[in-house]
Amino acid sequence: MTAVVETKSLTKDFGDGLGCHDISLTVKQGEIFGLLGPNGAGKSTLVKTLVGLLQKTSGEAHILGLPAGSLEARRMIGYLPELFRYQDWLTAREVLRLHARLSQVPTQGREARITSVLTQVGLSRRADERVRHFSKGMQQKLGLACALVSDPPVLFLDEPVSALDPGARHDVRQLLLRLRDEGKTVFLNTHLLEDVEVICNSVAFLADGSIHANGSVKDILRPMTSWDVLVGGWLVDSLAEIKAASGLALEVVTVAEDGTARLRLSAEHRDEVGWLNHNLDRLGYFIYEVCPVHNRLESWFLEQSERVQEPSNLDEVREE
């Protein structure tokens, strides 16, 4: 697949150590890419550098082979910033007319395009109301419509669903999936891991301005390698007995007063689960439940966070 967003050692240094540093990543055509990381990690700085709102300090960045920030590259993108403001005396349709003109959407078909994107984001019934009467969630939908109005091949969305209720979030998810199916590329900066897990093809973890991990969501959410087993008849020396009999990697998760215990089995093959069950039965334990442990994106995020060093004094000042 064609590289749509590509950076090599991209750096935006504000002169005090803050910003983003030595960023190298590739986002392919038709992907939804999720940029993850804690607050203050440099995610918005990276996005603003890619869309041309900030000038890079060093390194390279290209959008569809064009230098990031160039007029040609900016014509290829739609952008929803994290902090957005619209003229509150205008109606939603009038805001979109302004953005359509700024984006040089052809006059012929412009009104049809505006009506289409208003429908896509769920604002068709409120199109002629003034923005001052919109909730934050409705304004966020309007911002998404502004990013879509020129029908760009690349979208940069900075926290696009943070103000939306669950129903509206679901609708935006479905919209982004439809855009991906149309061949568009979406660069998504978000804290909502559930959304990333559902719609993203690949992710990167940014902390302290640097990429610490990246890969496809499919690889990160690798096949289950752990199983929880609920057993009855638990005694003080039961773990040692079961491990000696089975030779498997086991640990105790919980022990209840009624003599039941939840065990965690680390296993590369399902056959090991069967072998554990065989030995539990042979030793006289009751097997109440066996279930796989899913490796969710939240676990990966927390694992990456723990690997990042404790924040420096500079980082603490930045958060304040």
C-alpha atoms as a PDB file:
ATOM      1  CA  MET A   1       0.000   0.000   0.000  1.00  0.00           C
ATOM      2  CA  THR A   2       1.072   3.586  -0.694  1.00  0.00           C
ATOM      3  CA  ALA A   3       2.550   5.597   2.176  1.00  0.00           C
ATOM      4  CA  VAL A   4       0.214   8.535   2.768  1.00  0.00           C
ATOM      5  CA  VAL A   5       1.823  10.001   5.888  1.00  0.00           C
ATOM      6  CA  GLU A   6       5.543   9.403   6.270  1.00  0.00           C
ATOM      7  CA  THR A   7       8.047  10.943   8.676  1.00  0.00           C
ATOM      8  CA  LYS A   8      11.757  10.384   9.166  1.00  0.00           C
ATOM      9  CA  SER A   9      13.420  11.695  12.328  1.00  0.00           C
ATOM     10  CA  LEU A  10      10.830  14.479  12.464  1.00  0.00           C
ATOM     11  CA  THR A  11      11.504  16.903  15.313  1.00  0.00           C
ATOM     12  CA  LYS A  12       9.699  19.964  16.594  1.00  0.00           C
ATOM     13  CA  ASP A  13      11.732  21.415  19.459  1.00  0.00           C
ATOM     14  CA  PHE A  14      10.414  24.435  21.327  1.00  0.00           C
ATOM     15  CA  GLY A  15      13.874  25.087  22.758  1.00  0.00           C
ATOM     16  CA  ASP A  16      13.126  23.824  26.269  1.00  0.00           C
ATOM     17  CA  GLY A  17      13.105  20.119  25.550  1.00  0.00           C
ATOM     18  CA  LEU A  18       9.371  20.043  24.888  1.00  0.00           C
ATOM     19  CA  GLY A  19       7.752  19.086  21.601  1.00  0.00           C
ATOM     20  CA  CYS A  20       8.300  15.878  19.648  1.00  0.00           C
ATOM     21  CA  HIS A  21      11.614  14.307  18.752  1.00  0.00           C
ATOM     22  CA  ASP A  22      12.978  11.924  16.133  1.00  0.00           C
ATOM     23  CA  ILE A  23       9.553  10.718  14.999  1.00  0.00           C
ATOM     24  CA  SER A  24       9.660   8.077  12.261  1.00  0.00           C
ATOM     25  CA  LEU A  25       6.397   6.469  11.210  1.00  0.00           C
ATOM     26  CA  THR A  26       4.415   5.454   8.152  1.00  0.00           C
ATOM     27  CA  VAL A  27       0.647   5.506   7.661  1.00  0.00           C
ATOM     28  CA  LYS A  28      -0.587   3.680   4.576  1.00  0.00           C
ATOM     29  CA  GLN A  29      -3.465   4.477   2.265  1.00  0.00           C
ATOM     30  CA  GLY A  30      -6.858   3.351   3.511  1.00  0.00           C
ATOM     31  CA  GLU A  31      -5.703   3.002   7.122  1.00  0.00           C
ATOM     32  CA  ILE A  32      -7.089   4.471  10.298  1.00  0.00           C
ATOM     33  CA  PHE A  33      -4.029   5.215  12.402  1.00  0.00           C
ATOM     34  CA  GLY A  34      -4.321   5.846  16.144  1.00  0.00           C
ATOM     35  CA  LEU A  35      -1.835   8.086  17.947  1.00  0.00           C
ATOM     36  CA  LEU A  36      -1.903   7.275  21.666  1.00  0.00           C
ATOM     37  CA  GLY A  37      -0.118   8.594  24.703  1.00  0.00           C
ATOM     38  CA  PRO A  38      -0.563  10.365  28.054  1.00  0.00           C
ATOM     39  CA  ASN A  39      -1.438  14.034  28.413  1.00  0.00           C
ATOM     40  CA  GLY A  40       1.476  16.285  27.505  1.00  0.00           C
ATOM     41  CA  ALA A  41       3.167  13.592  25.419  1.00  0.00           C
ATOM     42  CA  GLY A  42       3.453  15.784  22.317  1.00  0.00           C
ATOM     43  CA  LYS A  43       0.615  14.269  20.274  1.00  0.00           C
ATOM     44  CA  SER A  44      -1.035  17.564  19.298  1.00  0.00           C
ATOM     45  CA  THR A  45       2.382  19.051  18.532  1.00  0.00           C
ATOM     46  CA  LEU A  46       3.042  16.213  16.107  1.00  0.00           C
ATOM     47  CA  VAL A  47      -0.353  16.642  14.434  1.00  0.00           C
ATOM     48  CA  LYS A  48       0.074  20.417  14.128  1.00  0.00           C
ATOM     49  CA  THR A  49       3.507  19.898  12.564  1.00  0.00           C
ATOM     50  CA  LEU A  50       2.110  17.441  10.035  1.00  0.00           C
ATOM     51  CA  VAL A  51      -0.746  19.739   8.986  1.00  0.00           C
ATOM     52  CA  GLY A  52       1.545  22.762   8.713  1.00  0.00           C
ATOM     53  CA  LEU A  53       0.484  24.821  11.726  1.00  0.00           C
ATOM     54  CA  LEU A  54       3.937  24.395  13.248  1.00  0.00           C
ATOM     55  CA  GLN A  55       7.233  24.459  11.391  1.00  0.00           C
ATOM     56  CA  LYS A  56       9.470  21.450  11.962  1.00  0.00           C
ATOM     57  CA  THR A  57      12.883  21.902  13.558  1.00  0.00           C
ATOM     58  CA  SER A  58      14.494  19.043  11.647  1.00  0.00           C
ATOM     59  CA  GLY A  59      13.772  15.766   9.909  1.00  0.00           C
ATOM     60  CA  GLU A  60      11.319  15.001   7.133  1.00  0.00           C
ATOM     61  CA  ALA A  61       7.547  14.738   6.831  1.00  0.00           C
ATOM     62  CA  HIS A  62       5.493  14.066   3.721  1.00  0.00           C
ATOM     63  CA  ILE A  63       1.768  13.838   2.967  1.00  0.00           C
ATOM     64  CA  LEU A  64       1.086  11.842  -0.194  1.00  0.00           C
ATOM     65  CA  GLY A  65       4.703  12.440  -1.166  1.00  0.00           C
ATOM     66  CA  LEU A  66       4.372  16.223  -0.729  1.00  0.00           C
ATOM     67  CA  PRO A  67       6.303  18.175   1.938  1.00  0.00           C
ATOM     68  CA  ALA A  68       4.120  18.494   5.034  1.00  0.00           C
ATOM     69  CA  GLY A  69       2.987  22.085   5.487  1.00  0.00           C
ATOM     70  CA  SER A  70       3.282  22.961   1.810  1.00  0.00           C
ATOM     71  CA  LEU A  71       0.286  24.458   0.027  1.00  0.00           C
ATOM     72  CA  GLU A  72       0.017  21.329  -2.120  1.00  0.00           C
ATOM     73  CA  ALA A  73      -0.031  19.061   0.931  1.00  0.00           C
ATOM     74  CA  ARG A  74      -2.567  21.217   2.777  1.00  0.00           C
ATOM     75  CA  ARG A  75      -4.934  20.893  -0.169  1.00  0.00           C
ATOM     76  CA  MET A  76      -4.907  17.128   0.395  1.00  0.00           C
ATOM     77  CA  ILE A  77      -6.006  17.152   4.043  1.00  0.00           C
ATOM     78  CA  GLY A  78      -8.996  17.805   6.255  1.00  0.00           C
ATOM     79  CA  TYR A  79      -8.226  18.829   9.837  1.00  0.00           C
ATOM     80  CA  LEU A  80     -10.250  18.888  13.035  1.00  0.00           C
ATOM     81  CA  PRO A  81      -8.227  20.569  15.820  1.00  0.00           C
ATOM     82  CA  GLU A  82      -8.638  19.661  19.462  1.00  0.00           C
ATOM     83  CA  LEU A  83      -9.603  23.253  20.326  1.00  0.00           C
ATOM     84  CA  PHE A  84     -12.024  24.593  17.757  1.00  0.00           C
ATOM     85  CA  ARG A  85     -14.032  27.804  17.562  1.00  0.00           C
ATOM     86  CA  TYR A  86     -16.625  28.802  14.984  1.00  0.00           C
ATOM     87  CA  GLN A  87     -18.417  32.086  14.366  1.00  0.00           C
ATOM     88  CA  ASP A  88     -21.349  31.652  16.704  1.00  0.00           C
ATOM     89  CA  TRP A  89     -23.521  34.167  14.828  1.00  0.00           C
ATOM     90  CA  LEU A  90     -23.470  31.945  11.735  1.00  0.00           C
ATOM     91  CA  THR A  91     -25.603  28.892  11.107  1.00  0.00           C
ATOM     92  CA  ALA A  92     -23.988  25.493  10.611  1.00  0.00           C
ATOM     93  CA  ARG A  93     -24.668  25.698   6.891  1.00  0.00           C
ATOM     94  CA  GLU A  94     -23.069  29.149   6.693  1.00  0.00           C
ATOM     95  CA  VAL A  95     -19.958  27.926   8.543  1.00  0.00           C
ATOM     96  CA  LEU A  96     -19.636  25.137   6.011  1.00  0.00           C
ATOM     97  CA  ARG A  97     -20.105  27.553   3.120  1.00  0.00           C
ATOM     98  CA  LEU A  98     -17.188  29.584   4.463  1.00  0.00           C
ATOM     99  CA  HIS A  99     -14.978  26.519   4.818  1.00  0.00           C
ATOM    100  CA  ALA A 100     -16.017  25.252   1.396  1.00  0.00           C
ATOM    101  CA  ARG A 101     -14.955  28.548  -0.182  1.00  0.00           C
ATOM    102  CA  LEU A 102     -11.662  28.553   1.741  1.00  0.00           C
ATOM    103  CA  SER A 103     -11.062  24.969   0.557  1.00  0.00           C
ATOM    104  CA  GLN A 104     -11.916  25.985  -3.025  1.00  0.00           C
ATOM    105  CA  VAL A 105     -14.748  23.495  -3.334  1.00  0.00           C
ATOM    106  CA  PRO A 106     -16.164  24.091  -6.856  1.00  0.00           C
ATOM    107  CA  THR A 107     -19.227  26.351  -6.913  1.00  0.00           C
ATOM    108  CA  GLN A 108     -21.140  23.801  -8.939  1.00  0.00           C
ATOM    109  CA  GLY A 109     -22.120  21.076  -6.514  1.00  0.00           C
ATOM    110  CA  ARG A 110     -20.975  23.030  -3.431  1.00  0.00           C
ATOM    111  CA  GLU A 111     -24.413  23.210  -1.798  1.00  0.00           C
ATOM    112  CA  ALA A 112     -25.009  19.515  -2.453  1.00  0.00           C
ATOM    113  CA  ARG A 113     -21.668  18.704  -0.820  1.00  0.00           C
ATOM    114  CA  ILE A 114     -22.523  20.827   2.223  1.00  0.00           C
ATOM    115  CA  THR A 115     -25.888  19.099   2.596  1.00  0.00           C
ATOM    116  CA  SER A 116     -24.187  15.713   2.254  1.00  0.00           C
ATOM    117  CA  VAL A 117     -21.614  16.276   5.013  1.00  0.00           C
ATOM    118  CA  LEU A 118     -24.245  17.750   7.335  1.00  0.00           C
ATOM    119  CA  THR A 119     -26.177  14.519   6.896  1.00  0.00           C
ATOM    120  CA  GLN A 120     -23.074  12.389   7.414  1.00  0.00           C
ATOM    121  CA  VAL A 121     -22.334  13.966  10.804  1.00  0.00           C
ATOM    122  CA  GLY A 122     -25.974  14.033  11.933  1.00  0.00           C
ATOM    123  CA  LEU A 123     -26.633  17.785  11.740  1.00  0.00           C
ATOM    124  CA  SER A 124     -29.049  17.939   8.823  1.00  0.00           C
ATOM    125  CA  ARG A 125     -31.978  18.920  11.058  1.00  0.00           C
ATOM    126  CA  ARG A 126     -29.959  21.656  12.766  1.00  0.00           C
ATOM    127  CA  ALA A 127     -28.251  22.985   9.638  1.00  0.00           C
ATOM    128  CA  ASP A 128     -29.931  26.392   9.742  1.00  0.00           C
ATOM    129  CA  GLU A 129     -29.583  27.034  13.481  1.00  0.00           C
ATOM    130  CA  ARG A 130     -26.972  29.448  14.780  1.00  0.00           C
ATOM    131  CA  VAL A 131     -23.851  27.885  16.226  1.00  0.00           C
ATOM    132  CA  ARG A 132     -24.284  29.793  19.506  1.00  0.00           C
ATOM    133  CA  HIS A 133     -27.164  27.448  20.312  1.00  0.00           C
ATOM    134  CA  PHE A 134     -25.104  24.296  19.697  1.00  0.00           C
ATOM    135  CA  SER A 135     -23.846  22.073  22.496  1.00  0.00           C
ATOM    136  CA  LYS A 136     -20.148  21.230  22.573  1.00  0.00           C
ATOM    137  CA  GLY A 137     -20.916  17.857  21.039  1.00  0.00           C
ATOM    138  CA  MET A 138     -22.841  19.450  18.180  1.00  0.00           C
ATOM    139  CA  GLN A 139     -19.987  21.892  17.582  1.00  0.00           C
ATOM    140  CA  GLN A 140     -17.629  18.935  17.431  1.00  0.00           C
ATOM    141  CA  LYS A 141     -19.822  17.359  14.766  1.00  0.00           C
ATOM    142  CA  LEU A 142     -19.705  20.661  12.885  1.00  0.00           C
ATOM    143  CA  GLY A 143     -15.912  20.612  13.106  1.00  0.00           C
ATOM    144  CA  LEU A 144     -15.870  17.137  11.616  1.00  0.00           C
ATOM    145  CA  ALA A 145     -18.134  18.360   8.810  1.00  0.00           C
ATOM    146  CA  CYS A 146     -15.689  21.220   8.114  1.00  0.00           C
ATOM    147  CA  ALA A 147     -12.848  18.688   7.862  1.00  0.00           C
ATOM    148  CA  LEU A 148     -14.889  16.624   5.396  1.00  0.00           C
ATOM    149  CA  VAL A 149     -16.370  19.362   3.220  1.00  0.00           C
ATOM    150  CA  SER A 150     -13.578  19.394   0.605  1.00  0.00           C
ATOM    151  CA  ASP A 151     -13.680  15.581   0.337  1.00  0.00           C
ATOM    152  CA  PRO A 152      -9.949  15.266   1.179  1.00  0.00           C
ATOM    153  CA  PRO A 153      -8.047  11.969   0.816  1.00  0.00           C
ATOM    154  CA  VAL A 154      -6.370  12.426   4.239  1.00  0.00           C
ATOM    155  CA  LEU A 155      -8.007  13.386   7.544  1.00  0.00           C
ATOM    156  CA  PHE A 156      -6.229  14.540  10.700  1.00  0.00           C
ATOM    157  CA  LEU A 157      -8.631  14.355  13.642  1.00  0.00           C
ATOM    158  CA  ASP A 158      -7.480  15.568  17.067  1.00  0.00           C
ATOM    159  CA  GLU A 159      -9.818  14.148  19.760  1.00  0.00           C
ATOM    160  CA  PRO A 160     -12.814  14.026  17.378  1.00  0.00           C
ATOM    161  CA  VAL A 161     -15.328  12.383  19.738  1.00  0.00           C
ATOM    162  CA  SER A 162     -14.304  13.664  23.179  1.00  0.00           C
ATOM    163  CA  ALA A 163     -17.538  15.660  23.645  1.00  0.00           C
ATOM    164  CA  LEU A 164     -19.937  13.150  22.101  1.00  0.00           C
ATOM    165  CA  ASP A 165     -22.407  10.874  23.848  1.00  0.00           C
ATOM    166  CA  PRO A 166     -22.141   7.093  23.269  1.00  0.00           C
ATOM    167  CA  GLY A 167     -24.691   7.091  20.459  1.00  0.00           C
ATOM    168  CA  ALA A 168     -22.964   9.909  18.577  1.00  0.00           C
ATOM    169  CA  ARG A 169     -19.571   8.248  19.142  1.00  0.00           C
ATOM    170  CA  HIS A 170     -20.913   5.094  17.528  1.00  0.00           C
ATOM    171  CA  ASP A 171     -22.155   7.094  14.553  1.00  0.00           C
ATOM    172  CA  VAL A 172     -18.758   8.762  14.095  1.00  0.00           C
ATOM    173  CA  ARG A 173     -17.032   5.384  14.300  1.00  0.00           C
ATOM    174  CA  GLN A 174     -19.239   4.078  11.521  1.00  0.00           C
ATOM    175  CA  LEU A 175     -18.561   7.195   9.449  1.00  0.00           C
ATOM    176  CA  LEU A 176     -14.795   6.769   9.808  1.00  0.00           C
ATOM    177  CA  LEU A 177     -15.059   3.111   8.809  1.00  0.00           C
ATOM    178  CA  ARG A 178     -17.037   4.102   5.709  1.00  0.00           C
ATOM    179  CA  LEU A 179     -14.395   6.692   4.839  1.00  0.00           C
ATOM    180  CA  ARG A 180     -11.696   4.045   5.232  1.00  0.00           C
ATOM    181  CA  ASP A 181     -13.637   1.723   2.936  1.00  0.00           C
ATOM    182  CA  GLU A 182     -13.671   4.534   0.373  1.00  0.00           C
ATOM    183  CA  GLY A 183      -9.862   4.556   0.472  1.00  0.00           C
ATOM    184  CA  LYS A 184      -9.389   7.604   2.656  1.00  0.00           C
ATOM    185  CA  THR A 185      -6.662   7.698   5.299  1.00  0.00           C
ATOM    186  CA  VAL A 186      -7.438   8.856   8.849  1.00  0.00           C
ATOM    187  CA  PHE A 187      -4.805  10.005  11.367  1.00  0.00           C
ATOM    188  CA  LEU A 188      -6.584   9.860  14.717  1.00  0.00           C
ATOM    189  CA  ASN A 189      -5.309  11.417  17.942  1.00  0.00           C
ATOM    190  CA  THR A 190      -7.467  10.188  20.830  1.00  0.00           C
ATOM    191  CA  HIS A 191      -7.552   8.989  24.425  1.00  0.00           C
ATOM    192  CA  LEU A 192     -10.533   6.712  23.838  1.00  0.00           C
ATOM    193  CA  LEU A 193      -8.905   3.291  23.582  1.00  0.00           C
ATOM    194  CA  GLU A 194     -12.198   1.542  22.938  1.00  0.00           C
ATOM    195  CA  ASP A 195     -12.624   3.518  19.711  1.00  0.00           C
ATOM    196  CA  VAL A 196      -9.051   2.806  18.641  1.00  0.00           C
ATOM    197  CA  GLU A 197      -9.471  -0.898  19.277  1.00  0.00           C
ATOM    198  CA  VAL A 198     -12.637  -1.039  17.183  1.00  0.00           C
ATOM    199  CA  ILE A 199     -11.646   1.015  14.130  1.00  0.00           C
ATOM    200  CA  CYS A 200      -7.862   1.473  13.892  1.00  0.00           C
ATOM    201  CA  ASN A 201      -5.541  -0.614  11.719  1.00  0.00           C
ATOM    202  CA  SER A 202      -2.344   0.514  13.434  1.00  0.00           C
ATOM    203  CA  VAL A 203      -1.243   2.551  16.443  1.00  0.00           C
ATOM    204  CA  ALA A 204       1.770   4.273  17.934  1.00  0.00           C
ATOM    205  CA  PHE A 205       2.474   5.147  21.576  1.00  0.00           C
ATOM    206  CA  LEU A 206       3.984   8.598  22.120  1.00  0.00           C
ATOM    207  CA  ALA A 207       5.444   9.692  25.451  1.00  0.00           C
ATOM    208  CA  ASP A 208       7.873  12.472  26.345  1.00  0.00           C
ATOM    209  CA  GLY A 209       7.791  13.525  22.703  1.00  0.00           C
ATOM    210  CA  SER A 210       9.101  10.204  21.354  1.00  0.00           C
ATOM    211  CA  ILE A 211       7.588   7.076  19.837  1.00  0.00           C
ATOM    212  CA  HIS A 212       8.102   4.195  22.267  1.00  0.00           C
ATOM    213  CA  ALA A 213       6.097   1.508  20.459  1.00  0.00           C
ATOM    214  CA  ASN A 214       4.064   1.052  17.313  1.00  0.00           C
ATOM    215  CA  GLY A 215       2.485  -1.690  15.278  1.00  0.00           C
ATOM    216  CA  SER A 216      -0.732  -3.068  13.881  1.00  0.00           C
ATOM    217  CA  VAL A 217      -3.687  -3.416  16.228  1.00  0.00           C
ATOM    218  CA  LYS A 218      -3.992  -7.031  15.099  1.00  0.00           C
ATOM    219  CA  ASP A 219      -0.465  -7.807  16.306  1.00  0.00           C
ATOM    220  CA  ILE A 220      -0.906  -5.906  19.563  1.00  0.00           C
ATOM    221  CA  LEU A 221      -4.156  -7.692  20.314  1.00  0.00           C
ATOM    222  CA  ARG A 222      -2.357 -10.965  19.726  1.00  0.00           C
ATOM    223  CA  PRO A 223      -4.072 -14.320  20.240  1.00  0.00           C
ATOM    224  CA  MET A 224      -4.888 -15.128  23.834  1.00  0.00           C
ATOM    225  CA  THR A 225      -1.926 -16.555  25.686  1.00  0.00           C
ATOM    226  CA  SER A 226      -3.517 -16.693  29.129  1.00  0.00           C
ATOM    227  CA  TRP A 227      -6.455 -18.567  30.575  1.00  0.00           C
ATOM    228  CA  ASP A 228      -8.343 -18.163  33.845  1.00  0.00           C
ATOM    229  CA  VAL A 229      -9.420 -21.377  35.576  1.00  0.00           C
ATOM    230  CA  LEU A 230     -11.822 -21.363  38.531  1.00  0.00           C
ATOM    231  CA  VAL A 231     -11.352 -24.423  40.745  1.00  0.00           C
ATOM    232  CA  GLY A 232     -12.814 -25.717  44.006  1.00  0.00           C
ATOM    233  CA  GLY A 233     -11.234 -27.603  46.879  1.00  0.00           C
ATOM    234  CA  TRP A 234      -8.302 -25.220  47.261  1.00  0.00           C
ATOM    235  CA  LEU A 235      -5.742 -25.768  50.042  1.00  0.00           C
ATOM    236  CA  VAL A 236      -2.625 -23.908  51.170  1.00  0.00           C
ATOM    237  CA  ASP A 237      -0.233 -26.166  49.241  1.00  0.00           C
ATOM    238  CA  SER A 238      -2.471 -26.651  46.193  1.00  0.00           C
ATOM    239  CA  LEU A 239      -0.481 -24.428  43.828  1.00  0.00           C
ATOM    240  CA  ALA A 240       2.758 -26.302  44.435  1.00  0.00           C
ATOM    241  CA  GLU A 241       0.976 -29.629  43.984  1.00  0.00           C
ATOM    242  CA  ILE A 242      -0.667 -28.651  40.687  1.00  0.00           C
ATOM    243  CA  LYS A 243       2.506 -27.081  39.258  1.00  0.00           C
ATOM    244  CA  ALA A 244       4.536 -30.174  40.160  1.00  0.00           C
ATOM    245  CA  ALA A 245       1.986 -32.479  38.528  1.00  0.00           C
ATOM    246  CA  SER A 246       1.422 -30.468  35.344  1.00  0.00           C
ATOM    247  CA  GLY A 247       4.709 -28.642  34.806  1.00  0.00           C
ATOM    248  CA  LEU A 248       2.753 -25.569  33.657  1.00  0.00           C
ATOM    249  CA  ALA A 249       3.232 -21.841  34.352  1.00  0.00           C
ATOM    250  CA  LEU A 250       0.523 -21.054  36.889  1.00  0.00           C
ATOM    251  CA  GLU A 251      -0.222 -18.290  39.346  1.00  0.00           C
ATOM    252  CA  VAL A 252      -3.023 -17.655  41.812  1.00  0.00           C
ATOM    253  CA  VAL A 253      -5.223 -14.651  41.016  1.00  0.00           C
ATOM    254  CA  THR A 254      -7.711 -14.883  43.905  1.00  0.00           C
ATOM    255  CA  VAL A 255      -8.668 -17.276  46.694  1.00  0.00           C
ATOM    256  CA  ALA A 256     -12.152 -17.115  48.233  1.00  0.00           C
ATOM    257  CA  GLU A 257     -13.280 -18.166  51.696  1.00  0.00           C
ATOM    258  CA  ASP A 258     -15.428 -20.933  50.214  1.00  0.00           C
ATOM    259  CA  GLY A 259     -12.336 -22.803  49.000  1.00  0.00           C
ATOM    260  CA  THR A 260     -12.480 -21.680  45.360  1.00  0.00           C
ATOM    261  CA  ALA A 261      -9.473 -20.193  43.627  1.00  0.00           C
ATOM    262  CA  ARG A 262      -8.947 -18.454  40.291  1.00  0.00           C
ATOM    263  CA  LEU A 263      -5.764 -19.561  38.557  1.00  0.00           C
ATOM    264  CA  ARG A 264      -4.005 -17.832  35.649  1.00  0.00           C
ATOM    265  CA  LEU A 265      -2.372 -20.157  33.121  1.00  0.00           C
ATOM    266  CA  SER A 266       0.200 -18.808  30.645  1.00  0.00           C
ATOM    267  CA  ALA A 267      -0.033 -21.105  27.643  1.00  0.00           C
ATOM    268  CA  GLU A 268       1.223 -21.049  24.066  1.00  0.00           C
ATOM    269  CA  HIS A 269      -1.106 -23.842  22.952  1.00  0.00           C
ATOM    270  CA  ARG A 270      -4.680 -24.781  23.802  1.00  0.00           C
ATOM    271  CA  ASP A 271      -3.497 -28.335  24.502  1.00  0.00           C
ATOM    272  CA  GLU A 272      -1.898 -27.014  27.694  1.00  0.00           C
ATOM    273  CA  VAL A 273      -5.350 -26.010  28.941  1.00  0.00           C
ATOM    274  CA  GLY A 274      -6.536 -29.572  28.406  1.00  0.00           C
ATOM    275  CA  TRP A 275      -3.464 -30.925  30.194  1.00  0.00           C
ATOM    276  CA  LEU A 276      -4.139 -28.645  33.170  1.00  0.00           C
ATOM    277  CA  ASN A 277      -7.765 -29.775  33.335  1.00  0.00           C
ATOM    278  CA  HIS A 278      -6.659 -33.401  33.210  1.00  0.00           C
ATOM    279  CA  ASN A 279      -4.313 -32.915  36.149  1.00  0.00           C
ATOM    280  CA  LEU A 280      -6.824 -30.922  38.170  1.00  0.00           C
ATOM    281  CA  ASP A 281      -9.372 -33.712  37.748  1.00  0.00           C
ATOM    282  CA  ARG A 282      -6.782 -36.387  38.574  1.00  0.00           C
ATOM    283  CA  LEU A 283      -5.803 -34.557  41.775  1.00  0.00           C
ATOM    284  CA  GLY A 284      -9.422 -34.227  42.876  1.00  0.00           C
ATOM    285  CA  TYR A 285     -10.096 -30.525  42.264  1.00  0.00           C
ATOM    286  CA  PHE A 286     -13.441 -29.304  40.962  1.00  0.00           C
ATOM    287  CA  ILE A 287     -13.264 -27.311  37.709  1.00  0.00           C
ATOM    288  CA  TYR A 288     -15.993 -24.675  37.632  1.00  0.00           C
ATOM    289  CA  GLU A 289     -14.907 -22.404  34.799  1.00  0.00           C
ATOM    290  CA  VAL A 290     -12.241 -22.043  32.101  1.00  0.00           C
ATOM    291  CA  CYS A 291     -12.078 -18.845  30.040  1.00  0.00           C
ATOM    292  CA  PRO A 292      -9.494 -17.067  27.870  1.00  0.00           C
ATOM    293  CA  VAL A 293      -7.995 -13.756  28.991  1.00  0.00           C
ATOM    294  CA  HIS A 294      -8.240 -11.184  26.219  1.00  0.00           C
ATOM    295  CA  ASN A 295      -5.272  -8.903  25.689  1.00  0.00           C
ATOM    296  CA  ARG A 296      -7.045  -5.579  25.212  1.00  0.00           C
ATOM    297  CA  LEU A 297      -5.544  -2.314  24.001  1.00  0.00           C
ATOM    298  CA  GLU A 298      -5.901  -0.782  27.459  1.00  0.00           C
ATOM    299  CA  SER A 299      -3.492  -3.382  28.838  1.00  0.00           C
ATOM    300  CA  TRP A 300      -0.987  -2.544  26.085  1.00  0.00           C
ATOM    301  CA  PHE A 301      -1.345   1.173  26.802  1.00  0.00           C
ATOM    302  CA  LEU A 302      -0.748   0.684  30.526  1.00  0.00           C
ATOM    303  CA  GLU A 303       2.200  -1.591  29.816  1.00  0.00           C
ATOM    304  CA  GLN A 304       3.800   1.060  27.604  1.00  0.00           C
ATOM    305  CA  SER A 305       3.103   3.748  30.202  1.00  0.00           C
ATOM    306  CA  GLU A 306       4.872   1.734  32.886  1.00  0.00           C
ATOM    307  CA  ARG A 307       7.935   1.403  30.678  1.00  0.00           C
ATOM    308  CA  VAL A 308       8.308   5.155  30.339  1.00  0.00           C
ATOM    309  CA  GLN A 309      10.552   6.650  32.978  1.00  0.00           C
ATOM    310  CA  GLU A 310       9.150   8.740  35.825  1.00  0.00           C
ATOM    311  CA  PRO A 311       8.480  12.336  34.703  1.00  0.00           C
ATOM    312  CA  SER A 312      11.284  14.823  35.149  1.00  0.00           C
ATOM    313  CA  ASN A 313      10.810  18.145  36.932  1.00  0.00           C
ATOM    314  CA  LEU A 314      10.393  19.751  33.530  1.00  0.00           C
ATOM    315  CA  ASP A 315       7.545  17.396  32.698  1.00  0.00           C
ATOM    316  CA  GLU A 316       5.888  18.164  36.019  1.00  0.00           C
ATOM    317  CA  VAL A 317       6.023  21.883  35.309  1.00  0.00           C
ATOM    318  CA  ARG A 318       4.584  21.245  31.876  1.00  0.00           C
ATOM    319  CA  GLU A 319       1.577  19.360  33.259  1.00  0.00           C
ATOM    320  CA  GLU A 320       0.859  22.204  35.676  1.00  0.00           C
END
